[in-house]
Every structure is written in C-alpha cells, then in structure tokens.
C-alpha cells in the first residue's frame, strides 16, 4: 500500500496533522513485534519477527545499570524504537527471522 493510498484510507489531512503517522502505519505493516503487546508504534502481523531473541545476559543488565549511575543526562527507555524518545539506554530487540 502506497503512502498516497494510506493518506486517503485513514483520513484526509492525516499526514499534514501528524507527519510521522503515515510512516508508522506503513512500517508497522512490516513487523511482528513480540517484545510487548499493543504498542502504537509497532505492528504485530508483518513478515519481520522482532524479539529479544531469548537471551538477556547479566552483562547487558549490569551495563545498563552502571551506565544509568554514571551518565545522569541520558535516560532509560523500555522501547528504543518507539519514536517518542531518543538518546536513551535500552535493550534493543533484533530481527530474528523473516517469515
């Protein structure tokens, strides 16, 4: 589905009011986000499986905890790809397979 068709399907002027909204709709159709359900910036039925991959080591957890203690200017985010925050410490999900 093209961006022009998305704009007419989801209401005229949607892209003018929320410029990123069409991009979110378009990208969400490509992923199957398995990290957290019902996130508005992710899709759940696309061909790209996105997950943590089943492994979250103590090394990664310790790094994020220590980074938060030493770098007070950078926050922690649950979703590094949520489009609402940037420059944060977080665990990044990966694309583990394509259906």
Protein backbone atom coordinates (compact mmCIF):
# COMPACT_ATOMS: atom_id res chain seq x y z
CA UNK A 1 0.00 0.00 0.00
CA UNK A 2 1.48 3.33 -1.04
CA UNK A 3 1.67 6.45 1.11
CA UNK A 4 -0.91 8.30 -1.02
CA UNK A 5 -3.35 5.43 -0.60
CA UNK A 6 -2.67 5.30 3.15
CA UNK A 7 -3.42 9.02 3.41
CA UNK A 8 -6.81 8.63 1.72
CA UNK A 9 -7.63 5.37 3.55
CA UNK A 10 -7.02 6.77 7.02
CA UNK A 11 -8.47 10.22 6.54
CA UNK A 12 -7.61 13.29 4.51
CA UNK A 13 -5.01 15.53 6.02
CA UNK A 14 -3.69 12.88 8.39
CA UNK A 15 -0.14 13.37 7.15
CA UNK A 16 -0.45 17.17 7.45
CA UNK A 17 -1.62 16.98 11.05
CA UNK A 18 0.74 14.17 12.11
CA UNK A 19 3.60 13.88 9.58
CA UNK A 20 5.01 10.73 11.17
CA UNK A 21 1.65 8.92 11.34
CA UNK A 22 1.76 7.56 7.80
CA UNK A 23 5.28 6.33 8.33
CA UNK A 24 4.21 4.50 11.50
CA UNK A 25 1.28 2.87 9.68
CA UNK A 26 3.49 1.86 6.76
CA UNK A 27 6.33 0.46 8.88
CA UNK A 28 4.02 -1.32 11.32
CA UNK A 29 2.74 -3.47 8.47
CA UNK A 30 6.23 -4.94 8.04
CA UNK A 31 6.96 -6.23 11.55
CA UNK A 32 5.68 -8.79 14.02
CA UNK A 33 6.75 -7.21 17.32
CA UNK A 34 7.00 -9.86 20.06
CA UNK A 35 8.54 -7.76 22.84
CA UNK A 36 5.45 -6.04 24.25
CA UNK A 37 1.83 -6.20 23.02
CA UNK A 38 -0.34 -3.24 21.98
CA UNK A 39 2.37 -0.66 21.35
CA UNK A 40 1.07 2.08 18.99
CA UNK A 41 4.34 2.35 17.06
CA UNK A 42 4.73 -1.35 16.23
CA UNK A 43 2.98 -3.93 14.09
CA UNK A 44 2.06 -7.47 15.04
CA UNK A 45 1.27 -9.32 11.82
CA UNK A 46 4.10 -8.47 9.41
CA UNK A 47 6.78 -10.75 7.95
CA UNK A 48 9.69 -9.49 10.13
CA UNK A 49 9.82 -11.14 13.56
CA UNK A 50 11.22 -8.72 16.17
CA UNK A 51 12.11 -10.08 19.62
CA UNK A 52 14.85 -10.13 22.24
CA UNK A 53 15.96 -13.49 20.90
CA UNK A 54 15.57 -15.37 24.17
CA UNK A 55 18.91 -14.27 25.66
CA UNK A 56 19.36 -11.38 28.06
CA UNK A 57 22.63 -11.79 29.91
CA UNK A 58 23.75 -10.35 33.22
CA UNK A 59 26.48 -8.47 31.37
CA UNK A 60 23.93 -6.42 29.43
CA UNK A 61 21.81 -5.80 32.51
CA UNK A 62 24.85 -4.73 34.55
CA UNK A 63 26.00 -2.38 31.78
CA UNK A 64 22.63 -0.61 31.66
CA UNK A 65 22.51 -0.27 35.45
CA UNK A 66 26.05 1.15 35.64
CA UNK A 67 25.51 3.47 32.70
CA UNK A 68 22.47 4.96 34.43
CA UNK A 69 24.56 5.63 37.58
CA UNK A 70 27.38 7.40 35.73
CA UNK A 71 25.54 9.17 32.93
CA UNK A 72 22.79 11.20 34.60
CA UNK A 73 21.90 13.09 31.40
CA UNK A 74 20.74 10.04 29.45
CA UNK A 75 17.54 8.27 30.50
CA UNK A 76 16.46 4.65 30.24
CA UNK A 77 13.73 3.70 27.76
CA UNK A 78 11.72 0.49 27.52
CA UNK A 79 11.40 0.80 23.75
CA UNK A 80 14.38 2.20 21.82
CA UNK A 81 12.33 2.17 18.61
CA UNK A 82 9.19 3.81 19.98
CA UNK A 83 9.70 7.07 18.05
CA UNK A 84 8.95 9.20 21.13
CA UNK A 85 12.36 9.28 22.80
CA UNK A 86 15.94 9.24 21.63
CA UNK A 87 19.47 9.04 23.02
CA UNK A 88 18.45 6.60 25.76
CA UNK A 89 19.90 3.43 27.27
CA UNK A 90 17.80 0.38 26.49
CA UNK A 91 17.82 -3.23 25.40
CA UNK A 92 17.49 -3.39 21.63
CA UNK A 93 15.33 -6.11 20.12
CA UNK A 94 16.52 -7.78 16.96
CA UNK A 95 15.04 -9.15 13.78
CA UNK A 96 15.41 -12.85 14.34
CA UNK A 97 13.79 -14.24 11.21
CA UNK A 98 11.71 -13.38 8.20
CA UNK A 99 8.56 -15.44 7.61
